[in-house]
């Protein structure tokens, strides 16, 4: 039997860095942004600590966690796995902007 592991899905917003190295929400040409979903995988490095934490996707995108939910192990393939969690966090103001989009 395969070894099971806890699975969470993370609602996140893709980030860019400005010239000062501060994170900003990546927006399209119309100034809009989307929230996307990823999950922890068997090979995900690092640990999730709290909302606002930045993680890397398998395509090397930086994403800030806006919300998270538990997922049943057998439903994990409905979501794309993330690569690793970083020790970086975004500002509470940025999280508040992204969470308003969720509603």
PDB file of N, CA and C in Angstrom:
ATOM      1  N   UNK A   1       0.840  -1.186   0.000  1.00  0.00           N
ATOM      2  CA  UNK A   1       0.000   0.000   0.000  1.00  0.00           C
ATOM      3  C   UNK A   1       0.882   1.244   0.000  1.00  0.00           C
ATOM      4  N   UNK A   2       0.500   2.229  -0.795  1.00  0.00           N
ATOM      5  CA  UNK A   2       1.262   3.473  -0.861  1.00  0.00           C
ATOM      6  C   UNK A   2       1.095   4.254   0.427  1.00  0.00           C
ATOM      7  N   UNK A   3       2.133   4.987   0.777  1.00  0.00           N
ATOM      8  CA  UNK A   3       2.097   5.800   1.979  1.00  0.00           C
ATOM      9  C   UNK A   3       1.300   7.085   1.723  1.00  0.00           C
ATOM     10  N   UNK A   4       0.281   7.325   2.510  1.00  0.00           N
ATOM     11  CA  UNK A   4      -0.534   8.532   2.365  1.00  0.00           C
ATOM     12  C   UNK A   4       0.139   9.687   3.097  1.00  0.00           C
ATOM     13  N   UNK A   5      -0.183  10.870   2.669  1.00  0.00           N
ATOM     14  CA  UNK A   5       0.336  12.085   3.288  1.00  0.00           C
ATOM     15  C   UNK A   5      -0.801  13.108   3.343  1.00  0.00           C
ATOM     16  N   UNK A   6      -0.730  14.059   4.274  1.00  0.00           N
ATOM     17  CA  UNK A   6      -1.796  15.065   4.355  1.00  0.00           C
ATOM     18  C   UNK A   6      -1.765  15.979   3.124  1.00  0.00           C
ATOM     19  N   UNK A   7      -2.948  16.290   2.616  1.00  0.00           N
ATOM     20  CA  UNK A   7      -3.056  17.125   1.415  1.00  0.00           C
ATOM     21  C   UNK A   7      -3.930  18.340   1.730  1.00  0.00           C
ATOM     22  N   UNK A   8      -3.413  19.509   1.394  1.00  0.00           N
ATOM     23  CA  UNK A   8      -4.175  20.753   1.471  1.00  0.00           C
ATOM     24  C   UNK A   8      -4.204  21.369   0.091  1.00  0.00           C
ATOM     25  N   UNK A   9      -5.271  22.097  -0.204  1.00  0.00           N
ATOM     26  CA  UNK A   9      -5.283  22.900  -1.424  1.00  0.00           C
ATOM     27  C   UNK A   9      -5.143  24.351  -0.998  1.00  0.00           C
ATOM     28  N   UNK A  10      -4.384  25.081  -1.780  1.00  0.00           N
ATOM     29  CA  UNK A  10      -4.072  26.471  -1.458  1.00  0.00           C
ATOM     30  C   UNK A  10      -4.600  27.377  -2.549  1.00  0.00           C
ATOM     31  N   UNK A  11      -5.379  28.359  -2.163  1.00  0.00           N
ATOM     32  CA  UNK A  11      -5.836  29.398  -3.068  1.00  0.00           C
ATOM     33  C   UNK A  11      -4.768  30.484  -3.009  1.00  0.00           C
ATOM     34  N   UNK A  12      -4.222  30.836  -4.168  1.00  0.00           N
ATOM     35  CA  UNK A  12      -3.116  31.787  -4.161  1.00  0.00           C
ATOM     36  C   UNK A  12      -3.178  32.770  -5.301  1.00  0.00           C
ATOM     37  N   UNK A  13      -2.387  33.811  -5.163  1.00  0.00           N
ATOM     38  CA  UNK A  13      -2.283  34.857  -6.166  1.00  0.00           C
ATOM     39  C   UNK A  13      -0.821  34.928  -6.611  1.00  0.00           C
ATOM     40  N   UNK A  14      -0.616  34.978  -7.926  1.00  0.00           N
ATOM     41  CA  UNK A  14       0.734  35.026  -8.494  1.00  0.00           C
ATOM     42  C   UNK A  14       1.348  36.399  -8.214  1.00  0.00           C
ATOM     43  N   UNK A  15       2.639  36.395  -7.895  1.00  0.00           N
ATOM     44  CA  UNK A  15       3.338  37.615  -7.499  1.00  0.00           C
ATOM     45  C   UNK A  15       4.427  38.005  -8.486  1.00  0.00           C
ATOM     46  N   UNK A  16       4.776  39.278  -8.479  1.00  0.00           N
ATOM     47  CA  UNK A  16       5.967  39.799  -9.145  1.00  0.00           C
ATOM     48  C   UNK A  16       6.695  40.638  -8.110  1.00  0.00           C
ATOM     49  N   UNK A  17       7.935  40.964  -8.379  1.00  0.00           N
ATOM     50  CA  UNK A  17       8.700  41.818  -7.472  1.00  0.00           C
ATOM     51  C   UNK A  17       8.955  43.161  -8.139  1.00  0.00           C
ATOM     52  N   UNK A  18       8.841  44.243  -7.366  1.00  0.00           N
ATOM     53  CA  UNK A  18       9.142  45.554  -7.927  1.00  0.00           C
ATOM     54  C   UNK A  18      10.647  45.803  -7.843  1.00  0.00           C
ATOM     55  N   UNK A  19      11.091  46.987  -8.222  1.00  0.00           N
ATOM     56  CA  UNK A  19      12.522  47.299  -8.238  1.00  0.00           C
ATOM     57  C   UNK A  19      13.156  47.250  -6.850  1.00  0.00           C
ATOM     58  N   UNK A  20      12.349  47.446  -5.810  1.00  0.00           N
ATOM     59  CA  UNK A  20      12.858  47.419  -4.445  1.00  0.00           C
ATOM     60  C   UNK A  20      12.836  46.012  -3.852  1.00  0.00           C
ATOM     61  N   UNK A  21      12.325  45.040  -4.606  1.00  0.00           N
ATOM     62  CA  UNK A  21      12.259  43.666  -4.113  1.00  0.00           C
ATOM     63  C   UNK A  21      10.996  43.353  -3.337  1.00  0.00           C
ATOM     64  N   UNK A  22      10.049  44.280  -3.308  1.00  0.00           N
ATOM     65  CA  UNK A  22       8.775  44.044  -2.628  1.00  0.00           C
ATOM     66  C   UNK A  22       7.840  43.282  -3.555  1.00  0.00           C
ATOM     67  N   UNK A  23       7.044  42.393  -2.979  1.00  0.00           N
ATOM     68  CA  UNK A  23       6.101  41.616  -3.778  1.00  0.00           C
ATOM     69  C   UNK A  23       4.876  42.439  -4.134  1.00  0.00           C
ATOM     70  N   UNK A  24       4.413  42.267  -5.358  1.00  0.00           N
ATOM     71  CA  UNK A  24       3.192  42.883  -5.862  1.00  0.00           C
ATOM     72  C   UNK A  24       2.362  41.800  -6.531  1.00  0.00           C
ATOM     73  N   UNK A  25       1.052  42.004  -6.603  1.00  0.00           N
ATOM     74  CA  UNK A  25       0.187  41.072  -7.313  1.00  0.00           C
ATOM     75  C   UNK A  25       0.422  41.240  -8.808  1.00  0.00           C
ATOM     76  N   UNK A  26       0.608  40.119  -9.500  1.00  0.00           N
ATOM     77  CA  UNK A  26       0.787  40.174 -10.957  1.00  0.00           C
ATOM     78  C   UNK A  26      -0.577  40.391 -11.596  1.00  0.00           C
ATOM     79  N   UNK A  27      -0.667  41.428 -12.386  1.00  0.00           N
ATOM     80  CA  UNK A  27      -1.938  41.800 -13.022  1.00  0.00           C
ATOM     81  C   UNK A  27      -1.806  41.713 -14.527  1.00  0.00           C
ATOM     82  N   UNK A  28      -2.944  41.520 -15.209  1.00  0.00           N
ATOM     83  CA  UNK A  28      -2.940  41.471 -16.673  1.00  0.00           C
ATOM     84  C   UNK A  28      -2.976  42.897 -17.229  1.00  0.00           C
ATOM     85  N   UNK A  29      -3.095  43.020 -18.548  1.00  0.00           N
ATOM     86  CA  UNK A  29      -3.085  44.328 -19.208  1.00  0.00           C
ATOM     87  C   UNK A  29      -4.247  45.213 -18.782  1.00  0.00           C
ATOM     88  N   UNK A  30      -5.325  44.618 -18.254  1.00  0.00           N
ATOM     89  CA  UNK A  30      -6.497  45.382 -17.817  1.00  0.00           C
ATOM     90  C   UNK A  30      -6.475  45.673 -16.324  1.00  0.00           C
ATOM     91  N   UNK A  31      -5.392  45.324 -15.651  1.00  0.00           N
ATOM     92  CA  UNK A  31      -5.278  45.572 -14.215  1.00  0.00           C
ATOM     93  C   UNK A  31      -5.966  44.543 -13.349  1.00  0.00           C
ATOM     94  N   UNK A  32      -6.388  43.424 -13.947  1.00  0.00           N
ATOM     95  CA  UNK A  32      -7.089  42.371 -13.211  1.00  0.00           C
ATOM     96  C   UNK A  32      -6.104  41.274 -12.798  1.00  0.00           C
ATOM     97  N   UNK A  33      -6.503  40.470 -11.806  1.00  0.00           N
ATOM     98  CA  UNK A  33      -5.710  39.315 -11.408  1.00  0.00           C
ATOM     99  C   UNK A  33      -6.649  38.166 -11.084  1.00  0.00           C
ATOM    100  N   UNK A  34      -6.100  36.949 -11.105  1.00  0.00           N
ATOM    101  CA  UNK A  34      -6.875  35.747 -10.816  1.00  0.00           C
ATOM    102  C   UNK A  34      -6.305  35.052  -9.597  1.00  0.00           C
ATOM    103  N   UNK A  35      -7.169  34.336  -8.911  1.00  0.00           N
ATOM    104  CA  UNK A  35      -6.737  33.438  -7.850  1.00  0.00           C
ATOM    105  C   UNK A  35      -6.714  32.032  -8.435  1.00  0.00           C
ATOM    106  N   UNK A  36      -5.671  31.286  -8.135  1.00  0.00           N
ATOM    107  CA  UNK A  36      -5.511  29.935  -8.651  1.00  0.00           C
ATOM    108  C   UNK A  36      -5.354  28.947  -7.507  1.00  0.00           C
ATOM    109  N   UNK A  37      -5.455  27.661  -7.828  1.00  0.00           N
ATOM    110  CA  UNK A  37      -5.413  26.617  -6.806  1.00  0.00           C
ATOM    111  C   UNK A  37      -4.239  25.670  -7.052  1.00  0.00           C
ATOM    112  N   UNK A  38      -3.515  25.357  -5.976  1.00  0.00           N
ATOM    113  CA  UNK A  38      -2.448  24.361  -5.978  1.00  0.00           C
ATOM    114  C   UNK A  38      -2.635  23.485  -4.759  1.00  0.00           C
ATOM    115  N   UNK A  39      -1.871  22.400  -4.677  1.00  0.00           N
ATOM    116  CA  UNK A  39      -1.941  21.504  -3.528  1.00  0.00           C
ATOM    117  C   UNK A  39      -0.558  21.064  -3.109  1.00  0.00           C
ATOM    118  N   UNK A  40      -0.457  20.552  -1.884  1.00  0.00           N
ATOM    119  CA  UNK A  40       0.786  19.925  -1.456  1.00  0.00           C
ATOM    120  C   UNK A  40       0.891  18.578  -2.146  1.00  0.00           C
ATOM    121  N   UNK A  41       2.092  18.184  -2.468  1.00  0.00           N
ATOM    122  CA  UNK A  41       2.344  16.897  -3.103  1.00  0.00           C
ATOM    123  C   UNK A  41       3.318  16.093  -2.263  1.00  0.00           C
ATOM    124  N   UNK A  42       3.568  14.890  -2.680  1.00  0.00           N
ATOM    125  CA  UNK A  42       4.488  14.019  -1.956  1.00  0.00           C
ATOM    126  C   UNK A  42       5.885  14.629  -1.870  1.00  0.00           C
ATOM    127  N   UNK A  43       6.305  15.333  -2.928  1.00  0.00           N
ATOM    128  CA  UNK A  43       7.666  15.870  -2.973  1.00  0.00           C
ATOM    129  C   UNK A  43       7.744  17.363  -2.660  1.00  0.00           C
ATOM    130  N   UNK A  44       6.672  17.940  -2.137  1.00  0.00           N
ATOM    131  CA  UNK A  44       6.677  19.355  -1.772  1.00  0.00           C
ATOM    132  C   UNK A  44       7.675  19.573  -0.636  1.00  0.00           C
ATOM    133  N   UNK A  45       8.548  20.545  -0.824  1.00  0.00           N
ATOM    134  CA  UNK A  45       9.564  20.868   0.187  1.00  0.00           C
ATOM    135  C   UNK A  45       9.042  21.985   1.088  1.00  0.00           C
ATOM    136  N   UNK A  46       9.484  22.003   2.326  1.00  0.00           N
ATOM    137  CA  UNK A  46       9.095  23.045   3.264  1.00  0.00           C
ATOM    138  C   UNK A  46       7.756  22.754   3.915  1.00  0.00           C
ATOM    139  N   UNK A  47       7.383  23.622   4.827  1.00  0.00           N
ATOM    140  CA  UNK A  47       6.129  23.473   5.579  1.00  0.00           C
ATOM    141  C   UNK A  47       5.306  24.745   5.469  1.00  0.00           C
ATOM    142  N   UNK A  48       3.997  24.562   5.396  1.00  0.00           N
ATOM    143  CA  UNK A  48       3.086  25.702   5.407  1.00  0.00           C
ATOM    144  C   UNK A  48       2.953  26.206   6.834  1.00  0.00           C
ATOM    145  N   UNK A  49       3.098  27.523   7.018  1.00  0.00           N
ATOM    146  CA  UNK A  49       3.019  28.123   8.351  1.00  0.00           C
ATOM    147  C   UNK A  49       1.738  28.941   8.544  1.00  0.00           C
ATOM    148  N   UNK A  50       1.466  29.884   7.605  1.00  0.00           N
ATOM    149  CA  UNK A  50       0.284  30.739   7.757  1.00  0.00           C
ATOM    150  C   UNK A  50      -0.060  31.434   6.440  1.00  0.00           C
ATOM    151  N   UNK A  51      -1.243  32.026   6.415  1.00  0.00           N
ATOM    152  CA  UNK A  51      -1.710  32.801   5.266  1.00  0.00           C
ATOM    153  C   UNK A  51      -0.687  33.906   4.980  1.00  0.00           C
ATOM    154  N   UNK A  52      -0.418  34.134   3.703  1.00  0.00           N
ATOM    155  CA  UNK A  52       0.550  35.158   3.308  1.00  0.00           C
ATOM    156  C   UNK A  52       1.915  34.583   2.967  1.00  0.00           C
ATOM    157  N   UNK A  53       2.126  33.299   3.270  1.00  0.00           N
ATOM    158  CA  UNK A  53       3.396  32.666   2.959  1.00  0.00           C
ATOM    159  C   UNK A  53       3.534  32.506   1.447  1.00  0.00           C
ATOM    160  N   UNK A  54       4.745  32.648   0.959  1.00  0.00           N
ATOM    161  CA  UNK A  54       5.022  32.539  -0.469  1.00  0.00           C
ATOM    162  C   UNK A  54       5.517  31.129  -0.775  1.00  0.00           C
ATOM    163  N   UNK A  55       5.017  30.553  -1.876  1.00  0.00           N
ATOM    164  CA  UNK A  55       5.547  29.267  -2.328  1.00  0.00           C
ATOM    165  C   UNK A  55       5.897  29.351  -3.802  1.00  0.00           C
ATOM    166  N   UNK A  56       6.683  28.385  -4.260  1.00  0.00           N
ATOM    167  CA  UNK A  56       7.060  28.291  -5.662  1.00  0.00           C
ATOM    168  C   UNK A  56       6.282  27.171  -6.319  1.00  0.00           C
ATOM    169  N   UNK A  57       5.828  27.418  -7.548  1.00  0.00           N
ATOM    170  CA  UNK A  57       5.159  26.375  -8.310  1.00  0.00           C
ATOM    171  C   UNK A  57       6.220  25.600  -9.084  1.00  0.00           C
ATOM    172  N   UNK A  58       5.795  24.559  -9.766  1.00  0.00           N
ATOM    173  CA  UNK A  58       6.734  23.789 -10.573  1.00  0.00           C
ATOM    174  C   UNK A  58       7.247  24.583 -11.768  1.00  0.00           C
ATOM    175  N   UNK A  59       6.559  25.668 -12.122  1.00  0.00           N
ATOM    176  CA  UNK A  59       6.998  26.556 -13.203  1.00  0.00           C
ATOM    177  C   UNK A  59       7.766  27.761 -12.674  1.00  0.00           C
ATOM    178  N   UNK A  60       8.206  27.692 -11.402  1.00  0.00           N
ATOM    179  CA  UNK A  60       8.994  28.742 -10.745  1.00  0.00           C
ATOM    180  C   UNK A  60       8.243  30.055 -10.576  1.00  0.00           C
ATOM    181  N   UNK A  61       6.910  30.020 -10.529  1.00  0.00           N
ATOM    182  CA  UNK A  61       6.129  31.214 -10.205  1.00  0.00           C
ATOM    183  C   UNK A  61       6.100  31.374  -8.697  1.00  0.00           C
ATOM    184  N   UNK A  62       6.146  32.594  -8.233  1.00  0.00           N
ATOM    185  CA  UNK A  62       5.994  32.867  -6.805  1.00  0.00           C
ATOM    186  C   UNK A  62       4.523  33.178  -6.559  1.00  0.00           C
ATOM    187  N   UNK A  63       3.963  32.512  -5.545  1.00  0.00           N
ATOM    188  CA  UNK A  63       2.540  32.625  -5.251  1.00  0.00           C
ATOM    189  C   UNK A  63       2.359  32.848  -3.754  1.00  0.00           C
ATOM    190  N   UNK A  64       1.460  33.760  -3.380  1.00  0.00           N
ATOM    191  CA  UNK A  64       1.126  33.995  -1.977  1.00  0.00           C
ATOM    192  C   UNK A  64      -0.151  33.240  -1.634  1.00  0.00           C
ATOM    193  N   UNK A  65      -0.141  32.563  -0.495  1.00  0.00           N
ATOM    194  CA  UNK A  65      -1.320  31.819  -0.034  1.00  0.00           C
ATOM    195  C   UNK A  65      -2.358  32.807   0.487  1.00  0.00           C
ATOM    196  N   UNK A  66      -3.573  32.714  -0.057  1.00  0.00           N
ATOM    197  CA  UNK A  66      -4.683  33.577   0.347  1.00  0.00           C
ATOM    198  C   UNK A  66      -5.634  32.809   1.266  1.00  0.00           C
ATOM    199  N   UNK A  67      -5.806  31.518   0.995  1.00  0.00           N
ATOM    200  CA  UNK A  67      -6.667  30.650   1.805  1.00  0.00           C
ATOM    201  C   UNK A  67      -6.219  29.209   1.583  1.00  0.00           C
ATOM    202  N   UNK A  68      -6.602  28.324   2.496  1.00  0.00           N
ATOM    203  CA  UNK A  68      -6.282  26.906   2.314  1.00  0.00           C
ATOM    204  C   UNK A  68      -7.379  26.045   2.909  1.00  0.00           C
ATOM    205  N   UNK A  69      -7.501  24.821   2.394  1.00  0.00           N
ATOM    206  CA  UNK A  69      -8.520  23.874   2.830  1.00  0.00           C
ATOM    207  C   UNK A  69      -7.949  22.466   2.753  1.00  0.00           C
ATOM    208  N   UNK A  70      -8.418  21.604   3.620  1.00  0.00           N
ATOM    209  CA  UNK A  70      -8.029  20.192   3.571  1.00  0.00           C
ATOM    210  C   UNK A  70      -8.669  19.530   2.357  1.00  0.00           C
ATOM    211  N   UNK A  71      -7.975  18.540   1.795  1.00  0.00           N
ATOM    212  CA  UNK A  71      -8.468  17.781   0.649  1.00  0.00           C
ATOM    213  C   UNK A  71      -8.355  16.304   0.984  1.00  0.00           C
ATOM    214  N   UNK A  72      -9.367  15.545   0.622  1.00  0.00           N
ATOM    215  CA  UNK A  72      -9.283  14.105   0.804  1.00  0.00           C
ATOM    216  C   UNK A  72      -8.152  13.567  -0.070  1.00  0.00           C
ATOM    217  N   UNK A  73      -7.437  12.605   0.457  1.00  0.00           N
ATOM    218  CA  UNK A  73      -6.283  12.054  -0.241  1.00  0.00           C
ATOM    219  C   UNK A  73      -6.645  11.573  -1.647  1.00  0.00           C
ATOM    220  N   UNK A  74      -7.776  10.919  -1.793  1.00  0.00           N
ATOM    221  CA  UNK A  74      -8.137  10.385  -3.106  1.00  0.00           C
ATOM    222  C   UNK A  74      -8.657  11.452  -4.074  1.00  0.00           C
ATOM    223  N   UNK A  75      -8.772  12.702  -3.646  1.00  0.00           N
ATOM    224  CA  UNK A  75      -9.181  13.813  -4.518  1.00  0.00           C
ATOM    225  C   UNK A  75      -7.997  14.702  -4.904  1.00  0.00           C
ATOM    226  N   UNK A  76      -6.813  14.321  -4.497  1.00  0.00           N
ATOM    227  CA  UNK A  76      -5.639  15.179  -4.691  1.00  0.00           C
ATOM    228  C   UNK A  76      -5.299  15.441  -6.155  1.00  0.00           C
ATOM    229  N   UNK A  77      -5.642  14.535  -7.050  1.00  0.00           N
ATOM    230  CA  UNK A  77      -5.270  14.697  -8.455  1.00  0.00           C
ATOM    231  C   UNK A  77      -6.118  15.733  -9.186  1.00  0.00           C
ATOM    232  N   UNK A  78      -7.083  16.314  -8.506  1.00  0.00           N
ATOM    233  CA  UNK A  78      -7.878  17.395  -9.094  1.00  0.00           C
ATOM    234  C   UNK A  78      -7.122  18.719  -9.107  1.00  0.00           C
ATOM    235  N   UNK A  79      -5.982  18.779  -8.427  1.00  0.00           N
ATOM    236  CA  UNK A  79      -5.231  20.028  -8.267  1.00  0.00           C
ATOM    237  C   UNK A  79      -3.764  19.822  -8.633  1.00  0.00           C
ATOM    238  N   UNK A  80      -3.138  20.886  -9.092  1.00  0.00           N
ATOM    239  CA  UNK A  80      -1.720  20.852  -9.464  1.00  0.00           C
ATOM    240  C   UNK A  80      -0.854  20.970  -8.212  1.00  0.00           C
ATOM    241  N   UNK A  81       0.179  20.117  -8.074  1.00  0.00           N
ATOM    242  CA  UNK A  81       1.037  20.213  -6.893  1.00  0.00           C
ATOM    243  C   UNK A  81       1.988  21.413  -6.968  1.00  0.00           C
ATOM    244  N   UNK A  82       2.332  21.939  -5.808  1.00  0.00           N
ATOM    245  CA  UNK A  82       3.302  23.020  -5.743  1.00  0.00           C
ATOM    246  C   UNK A  82       4.681  22.429  -5.483  1.00  0.00           C
ATOM    247  N   UNK A  83       5.721  23.216  -5.746  1.00  0.00           N
ATOM    248  CA  UNK A  83       7.084  22.706  -5.607  1.00  0.00           C
ATOM    249  C   UNK A  83       7.607  22.825  -4.181  1.00  0.00           C
ATOM    250  N   UNK A  84       7.612  24.058  -3.647  1.00  0.00           N
ATOM    251  CA  UNK A  84       8.145  24.223  -2.295  1.00  0.00           C
ATOM    252  C   UNK A  84       7.661  25.517  -1.654  1.00  0.00           C
ATOM    253  N   UNK A  85       7.595  25.477  -0.336  1.00  0.00           N
ATOM    254  CA  UNK A  85       7.276  26.673   0.437  1.00  0.00           C
ATOM    255  C   UNK A  85       8.561  27.427   0.713  1.00  0.00           C
ATOM    256  N   UNK A  86       8.483  28.752   0.736  1.00  0.00           N
ATOM    257  CA  UNK A  86       9.636  29.579   1.084  1.00  0.00           C
ATOM    258  C   UNK A  86       9.412  30.139   2.488  1.00  0.00           C
ATOM    259  N   UNK A  87      10.392  30.862   2.975  1.00  0.00           N
ATOM    260  CA  UNK A  87      10.259  31.513   4.285  1.00  0.00           C
ATOM    261  C   UNK A  87       9.783  32.951   4.133  1.00  0.00           C
ATOM    262  N   UNK A  88       9.467  33.367   2.908  1.00  0.00           N
ATOM    263  CA  UNK A  88       9.014  34.735   2.642  1.00  0.00           C
ATOM    264  C   UNK A  88       7.506  34.861   2.863  1.00  0.00           C
ATOM    265  N   UNK A  89       7.101  36.055   3.242  1.00  0.00           N
ATOM    266  CA  UNK A  89       5.682  36.375   3.446  1.00  0.00           C
ATOM    267  C   UNK A  89       5.385  37.705   2.771  1.00  0.00           C
ATOM    268  N   UNK A  90       4.126  37.896   2.385  1.00  0.00           N
ATOM    269  CA  UNK A  90       3.699  39.167   1.804  1.00  0.00           C
ATOM    270  C   UNK A  90       2.996  39.987   2.888  1.00  0.00           C
ATOM    271  N   UNK A  91       2.777  41.244   2.597  1.00  0.00           N
ATOM    272  CA  UNK A  91       2.156  42.132   3.569  1.00  0.00           C
ATOM    273  C   UNK A  91       0.682  41.787   3.782  1.00  0.00           C
ATOM    274  N   UNK A  92       0.163  42.073   4.981  1.00  0.00           N
ATOM    275  CA  UNK A  92      -1.265  41.847   5.231  1.00  0.00           C
ATOM    276  C   UNK A  92      -2.153  42.649   4.285  1.00  0.00           C
ATOM    277  N   UNK A  93      -1.689  43.812   3.846  1.00  0.00           N
ATOM    278  CA  UNK A  93      -2.458  44.645   2.914  1.00  0.00           C
ATOM    279  C   UNK A  93      -2.648  43.912   1.578  1.00  0.00           C
ATOM    280  N   UNK A  94      -1.590  43.290   1.089  1.00  0.00           N
ATOM    281  CA  UNK A  94      -1.674  42.549  -0.171  1.00  0.00           C
ATOM    282  C   UNK A  94      -2.623  41.362  -0.033  1.00  0.00           C
ATOM    283  N   UNK A  95      -2.580  40.671   1.089  1.00  0.00           N
ATOM    284  CA  UNK A  95      -3.475  39.533   1.327  1.00  0.00           C
ATOM    285  C   UNK A  95      -4.923  39.997   1.365  1.00  0.00           C
ATOM    286  N   UNK A  96      -5.170  41.128   1.996  1.00  0.00           N
ATOM    287  CA  UNK A  96      -6.536  41.655   2.080  1.00  0.00           C
ATOM    288  C   UNK A  96      -7.087  41.959   0.690  1.00  0.00           C
ATOM    289  N   UNK A  97      -6.273  42.533  -0.185  1.00  0.00           N
ATOM    290  CA  UNK A  97      -6.693  42.824  -1.567  1.00  0.00           C
ATOM    291  C   UNK A  97      -7.048  41.528  -2.281  1.00  0.00           C
ATOM    292  N   UNK A  98      -6.186  40.518  -2.153  1.00  0.00           N
ATOM    293  CA  UNK A  98      -6.425  39.231  -2.821  1.00  0.00           C
ATOM    294  C   UNK A  98      -7.652  38.520  -2.254  1.00  0.00           C
ATOM    295  N   UNK A  99      -7.864  38.598  -0.946  1.00  0.00           N
ATOM    296  CA  UNK A  99      -9.017  37.928  -0.334  1.00  0.00           C
ATOM    297  C   UNK A  99     -10.331  38.566  -0.765  1.00  0.00           C
ATOM    298  N   UNK A 100     -10.333  39.853  -1.067  1.00  0.00           N
ATOM    299  CA  UNK A 100     -11.541  40.511  -1.555  1.00  0.00           C
ATOM    300  C   UNK A 100     -11.956  39.950  -2.906  1.00  0.00           C
ATOM    301  N   UNK A 101     -10.990  39.519  -3.694  1.00  0.00           N
ATOM    302  CA  UNK A 101     -11.271  38.928  -5.001  1.00  0.00           C
ATOM    303  C   UNK A 101     -11.987  37.573  -4.817  1.00  0.00           C
ATOM    304  N   UNK A 102     -11.694  36.893  -3.712  1.00  0.00           N
ATOM    305  CA  UNK A 102     -12.269  35.571  -3.445  1.00  0.00           C
ATOM    306  C   UNK A 102     -13.782  35.645  -3.259  1.00  0.00           C
ATOM    307  N   UNK A 103     -14.281  36.751  -2.754  1.00  0.00           N
ATOM    308  CA  UNK A 103     -15.702  36.876  -2.428  1.00  0.00           C
ATOM    309  C   UNK A 103     -16.571  37.105  -3.624  1.00  0.00           C
TER     310      UNK A 103
END
